[in-house]
Amino acid sequence: METILEIQNLKCGGCAHTITKKLIELVGIKNITVDTNSSSININSTNEEALEEAKTLLYKLGYPVQGDNNSFGTKAKSFVSCAIGRIEKS
């Protein structure tokens, strides 16, 4: 099942690295492509449950789906996730 999600707080390759690394660990997620230009993620999942788990994890990392609550705390989490992604990527 292929789904494109528009997410919030996606800034750079560091964000993309963290998102890809964390989502691919979920059972039922087969492939992920992150597009920083359009702030979107293309996810191939085996079922709706896996997709919902991915959305929950994105929120916890600081990247809520467009339309979901994007509080100051969520934005702060995205900066931390981004920094971790930049460090791991280099």
C-alpha atoms as a PDB file:
ATOM      1  CA  MET A   1       0.000   0.000   0.000  1.00  0.00           C
ATOM      2  CA  GLU A   2       1.631   3.219  -1.152  1.00  0.00           C
ATOM      3  CA  THR A   3       0.788   6.449   0.681  1.00  0.00           C
ATOM      4  CA  ILE A   4       2.104   9.984   0.425  1.00  0.00           C
ATOM      5  CA  LEU A   5       2.007  11.979   3.650  1.00  0.00           C
ATOM      6  CA  GLU A   6       2.590  15.716   3.859  1.00  0.00           C
ATOM      7  CA  ILE A   7       4.312  16.433   7.143  1.00  0.00           C
ATOM      8  CA  GLN A   8       5.216  19.482   9.186  1.00  0.00           C
ATOM      9  CA  ASN A   9       8.628  20.680  10.440  1.00  0.00           C
ATOM     10  CA  LEU A  10      10.659  18.864   7.755  1.00  0.00           C
ATOM     11  CA  LYS A  11      13.706  21.056   7.212  1.00  0.00           C
ATOM     12  CA  CYS A  12      16.644  19.210   5.703  1.00  0.00           C
ATOM     13  CA  GLY A  13      18.554  16.026   5.031  1.00  0.00           C
ATOM     14  CA  GLY A  14      19.132  15.526   8.751  1.00  0.00           C
ATOM     15  CA  CYS A  15      15.389  15.339   9.285  1.00  0.00           C
ATOM     16  CA  ALA A  16      15.049  12.989   6.321  1.00  0.00           C
ATOM     17  CA  HIS A  17      17.784  10.712   7.686  1.00  0.00           C
ATOM     18  CA  THR A  18      16.125  10.417  11.105  1.00  0.00           C
ATOM     19  CA  ILE A  19      12.678   9.828   9.596  1.00  0.00           C
ATOM     20  CA  THR A  20      13.939   7.140   7.221  1.00  0.00           C
ATOM     21  CA  LYS A  21      16.021   5.393   9.874  1.00  0.00           C
ATOM     22  CA  LYS A  22      13.208   5.259  12.415  1.00  0.00           C
ATOM     23  CA  LEU A  23      10.310   4.389  10.101  1.00  0.00           C
ATOM     24  CA  ILE A  24      12.091   1.538   8.332  1.00  0.00           C
ATOM     25  CA  GLU A  25      12.410  -0.197  11.735  1.00  0.00           C
ATOM     26  CA  LEU A  26       8.618  -0.550  11.962  1.00  0.00           C
ATOM     27  CA  VAL A  27       7.061  -3.877  11.075  1.00  0.00           C
ATOM     28  CA  GLY A  28       4.997  -3.514   7.930  1.00  0.00           C
ATOM     29  CA  ILE A  29       6.941  -0.607   6.443  1.00  0.00           C
ATOM     30  CA  LYS A  30       8.766  -1.657   3.294  1.00  0.00           C
ATOM     31  CA  ASN A  31      10.100   1.481   1.658  1.00  0.00           C
ATOM     32  CA  ILE A  32      10.327   5.180   2.484  1.00  0.00           C
ATOM     33  CA  THR A  33      11.219   8.160   0.331  1.00  0.00           C
ATOM     34  CA  VAL A  34      11.472  11.582   1.960  1.00  0.00           C
ATOM     35  CA  ASP A  35      11.157  14.713  -0.201  1.00  0.00           C
ATOM     36  CA  THR A  36      12.394  17.769   1.703  1.00  0.00           C
ATOM     37  CA  ASN A  37      11.302  20.137  -1.080  1.00  0.00           C
ATOM     38  CA  SER A  38       7.627  19.206  -0.783  1.00  0.00           C
ATOM     39  CA  SER A  39       7.721  18.197   2.913  1.00  0.00           C
ATOM     40  CA  SER A  40       6.316  14.812   2.004  1.00  0.00           C
ATOM     41  CA  ILE A  41       7.029  11.163   2.617  1.00  0.00           C
ATOM     42  CA  ASN A  42       6.166   8.305   0.313  1.00  0.00           C
ATOM     43  CA  ILE A  43       5.588   5.200   2.444  1.00  0.00           C
ATOM     44  CA  ASN A  44       5.012   1.644   1.258  1.00  0.00           C
ATOM     45  CA  SER A  45       3.265  -0.274   4.011  1.00  0.00           C
ATOM     46  CA  THR A  46       1.713  -3.707   4.215  1.00  0.00           C
ATOM     47  CA  ASN A  47      -1.482  -2.532   5.923  1.00  0.00           C
ATOM     48  CA  GLU A  48      -3.362   0.370   7.516  1.00  0.00           C
ATOM     49  CA  GLU A  49      -2.100  -0.519  11.001  1.00  0.00           C
ATOM     50  CA  ALA A  50       1.531  -0.105   9.912  1.00  0.00           C
ATOM     51  CA  LEU A  51       0.689   3.255   8.354  1.00  0.00           C
ATOM     52  CA  GLU A  52      -0.974   4.440  11.581  1.00  0.00           C
ATOM     53  CA  GLU A  53       2.100   3.341  13.558  1.00  0.00           C
ATOM     54  CA  ALA A  54       4.241   5.354  11.149  1.00  0.00           C
ATOM     55  CA  LYS A  55       2.089   8.462  11.669  1.00  0.00           C
ATOM     56  CA  THR A  56       2.323   8.050  15.454  1.00  0.00           C
ATOM     57  CA  LEU A  57       6.095   7.696  15.282  1.00  0.00           C
ATOM     58  CA  LEU A  58       6.384  10.731  13.014  1.00  0.00           C
ATOM     59  CA  TYR A  59       4.464  12.754  15.591  1.00  0.00           C
ATOM     60  CA  LYS A  60       6.724  11.538  18.411  1.00  0.00           C
ATOM     61  CA  LEU A  61       9.788  12.526  16.374  1.00  0.00           C
ATOM     62  CA  GLY A  62       8.355  16.022  15.851  1.00  0.00           C
ATOM     63  CA  TYR A  63       7.000  15.617  12.322  1.00  0.00           C
ATOM     64  CA  PRO A  64       3.193  15.535  12.550  1.00  0.00           C
ATOM     65  CA  VAL A  65       1.125  14.931   9.445  1.00  0.00           C
ATOM     66  CA  GLN A  66      -0.295  18.115   7.895  1.00  0.00           C
ATOM     67  CA  GLY A  67      -3.420  19.086   9.841  1.00  0.00           C
ATOM     68  CA  ASP A  68      -2.333  17.437  13.115  1.00  0.00           C
ATOM     69  CA  ASN A  69      -1.452  19.503  16.180  1.00  0.00           C
ATOM     70  CA  ASN A  70       1.966  21.147  15.817  1.00  0.00           C
ATOM     71  CA  SER A  71       2.673  22.627  19.241  1.00  0.00           C
ATOM     72  CA  PHE A  72       5.883  24.318  20.363  1.00  0.00           C
ATOM     73  CA  GLY A  73       6.942  21.042  22.005  1.00  0.00           C
ATOM     74  CA  THR A  74       6.458  19.125  18.767  1.00  0.00           C
ATOM     75  CA  LYS A  75       8.509  21.703  16.865  1.00  0.00           C
ATOM     76  CA  ALA A  76      11.267  21.413  19.466  1.00  0.00           C
ATOM     77  CA  LYS A  77      11.306  17.617  19.055  1.00  0.00           C
ATOM     78  CA  SER A  78      11.811  18.069  15.313  1.00  0.00           C
ATOM     79  CA  PHE A  79      14.929  20.186  15.940  1.00  0.00           C
ATOM     80  CA  VAL A  80      16.368  17.455  18.166  1.00  0.00           C
ATOM     81  CA  SER A  81      15.516  14.751  15.600  1.00  0.00           C
ATOM     82  CA  CYS A  82      17.084  16.889  12.874  1.00  0.00           C
ATOM     83  CA  ALA A  83      20.292  17.394  14.864  1.00  0.00           C
ATOM     84  CA  ILE A  84      20.578  13.663  15.567  1.00  0.00           C
ATOM     85  CA  GLY A  85      20.029  12.924  11.881  1.00  0.00           C
ATOM     86  CA  ARG A  86      22.751  15.397  10.872  1.00  0.00           C
ATOM     87  CA  ILE A  87      25.238  13.877  13.332  1.00  0.00           C
ATOM     88  CA  GLU A  88      24.482  10.298  12.256  1.00  0.00           C
ATOM     89  CA  LYS A  89      24.556  11.225   8.573  1.00  0.00           C
ATOM     90  CA  SER A  90      28.064  12.717   8.709  1.00  0.00           C
END
